[in-house]
C-alpha cells in the first residue's frame, strides 16, 4: 500500500485525514482508490475529462509525476504520494517592488 499525503485544503473532503494508505500498482490506480474512498475529492483533483486538473501537482517520493510517466508511474508499497495544489497570488507590494527593480 502506498501512503498518500493529503494537503490541508483537501482534508475536508477526506474525512479530515492528513494521509491514507491505499493499494495500487500505479499512481493512477492509487489516486483512483483515493477518489473511490472519498468521492468528494474527485471534483477537486480531476477535470470533466477525467484528467488531473492542471493546478494539481502529484509527487511520488518527491519526484513530480509529470516527468516520470504521469499516472502510469509504477508504485510500490513503501512509496509516498503527495498531492500539492498550486497556489496563485501575490500582493500589490510585490508588484510595485518588481516594478521598481525593473526600472518602471
Protein backbone atom coordinates (compact mmCIF):
# COMPACT_ATOMS: atom_id res chain seq x y z
CA UNK A 1 0.00 0.00 0.00
CA UNK A 2 1.18 3.48 -0.85
CA UNK A 3 0.74 6.36 1.56
CA UNK A 4 -0.98 9.46 0.18
CA UNK A 5 -0.37 12.81 1.89
CA UNK A 6 -3.49 14.97 1.70
CA UNK A 7 -2.96 18.75 1.82
CA UNK A 8 -4.87 20.83 4.35
CA UNK A 9 -7.34 22.40 1.86
CA UNK A 10 -8.47 18.95 0.68
CA UNK A 11 -8.77 17.24 4.07
CA UNK A 12 -12.37 18.39 4.44
CA UNK A 13 -13.18 16.06 1.52
CA UNK A 14 -11.25 13.13 3.05
CA UNK A 15 -12.82 12.89 6.50
CA UNK A 16 -10.12 15.30 7.79
CA UNK A 17 -7.36 12.73 7.21
CA UNK A 18 -3.89 14.11 6.58
CA UNK A 19 -2.79 10.82 4.99
CA UNK A 20 -4.23 7.47 3.98
CA UNK A 21 -2.75 4.18 2.79
CA UNK A 22 -4.30 2.66 -0.32
CA UNK A 23 -3.40 -0.10 -2.77
CA UNK A 24 -2.42 0.30 -6.40
CA UNK A 25 0.31 -0.63 -8.86
CA UNK A 26 0.46 2.84 -10.43
CA UNK A 27 -0.14 6.44 -9.42
CA UNK A 28 -3.42 6.37 -11.37
CA UNK A 29 -4.62 3.27 -9.53
CA UNK A 30 -3.75 4.71 -6.12
CA UNK A 31 -5.47 8.01 -6.92
CA UNK A 32 -8.43 6.04 -8.27
CA UNK A 33 -8.65 4.21 -4.94
CA UNK A 34 -8.46 7.57 -3.17
CA UNK A 35 -11.42 9.07 -5.04
CA UNK A 36 -13.34 5.80 -4.69
CA UNK A 37 -12.90 6.03 -0.92
CA UNK A 38 -13.56 9.81 -0.81
CA UNK A 39 -15.77 10.67 -3.83
CA UNK A 40 -15.91 14.38 -2.94
CA UNK A 41 -12.19 14.63 -3.73
CA UNK A 42 -12.76 13.75 -7.38
CA UNK A 43 -14.08 17.17 -8.43
CA UNK A 44 -11.09 18.79 -6.74
CA UNK A 45 -8.49 16.56 -8.38
CA UNK A 46 -9.91 15.75 -11.82
CA UNK A 47 -11.50 17.75 -14.65
CA UNK A 48 -14.60 16.69 -16.60
CA UNK A 49 -12.44 14.64 -18.99
CA UNK A 50 -11.05 12.58 -16.10
CA UNK A 51 -7.57 14.15 -16.26
CA UNK A 52 -5.76 15.59 -13.26
CA UNK A 53 -6.51 19.29 -13.01
CA UNK A 54 -3.69 21.49 -14.25
CA UNK A 55 -3.21 23.09 -10.82
CA UNK A 56 -2.89 19.74 -9.02
CA UNK A 57 0.68 18.52 -8.75
CA UNK A 58 1.39 14.97 -7.64
CA UNK A 59 4.76 13.84 -6.37
CA UNK A 60 5.93 10.27 -5.90
CA UNK A 61 8.70 10.26 -3.31
CA UNK A 62 9.49 13.91 -4.10
CA UNK A 63 9.53 13.32 -7.90
CA UNK A 64 6.97 15.20 -9.97
CA UNK A 65 4.96 12.55 -11.86
CA UNK A 66 4.71 14.85 -14.89
CA UNK A 67 8.32 13.87 -15.56
CA UNK A 68 8.18 10.19 -14.56
CA UNK A 69 5.28 8.75 -16.54
CA UNK A 70 2.30 10.67 -15.14
CA UNK A 71 -0.48 8.46 -13.77
CA UNK A 72 1.15 5.33 -15.28
CA UNK A 73 4.14 5.74 -12.94
CA UNK A 74 4.68 2.49 -11.01
CA UNK A 75 4.09 2.48 -7.26
CA UNK A 76 5.43 0.07 -4.62
CA UNK A 77 4.30 -0.41 -1.03
CA UNK A 78 6.89 1.89 0.53
CA UNK A 79 6.08 4.84 -1.77
CA UNK A 80 4.61 8.15 -0.65
CA UNK A 81 2.36 10.21 -2.92
CA UNK A 82 1.99 13.91 -2.16
CA UNK A 83 -0.85 15.96 -3.60
CA UNK A 84 0.19 19.59 -3.92
CA UNK A 85 -2.36 22.07 -5.25
CA UNK A 86 -0.78 25.10 -6.91
CA UNK A 87 -1.48 28.37 -5.17
CA UNK A 88 -1.62 31.63 -7.08
CA UNK A 89 -1.49 35.05 -5.61
CA UNK A 90 0.64 37.94 -4.65
CA UNK A 91 0.25 41.42 -3.34
CA UNK A 92 0.41 44.95 -4.62
CA UNK A 93 3.57 45.43 -2.58
CA UNK A 94 5.25 42.64 -4.52
CA UNK A 95 4.04 44.01 -7.85
CA UNK A 96 5.19 47.54 -7.16
CA UNK A 97 8.51 46.28 -5.81
CA UNK A 98 9.03 44.30 -9.03
CA UNK A 99 8.31 47.48 -11.00
CA UNK A 100 10.95 49.39 -9.08
CA UNK A 101 13.52 46.66 -9.61
CA UNK A 102 12.87 46.67 -13.36
CA UNK A 103 13.15 50.46 -13.65
CA UNK A 104 9.44 51.12 -14.11
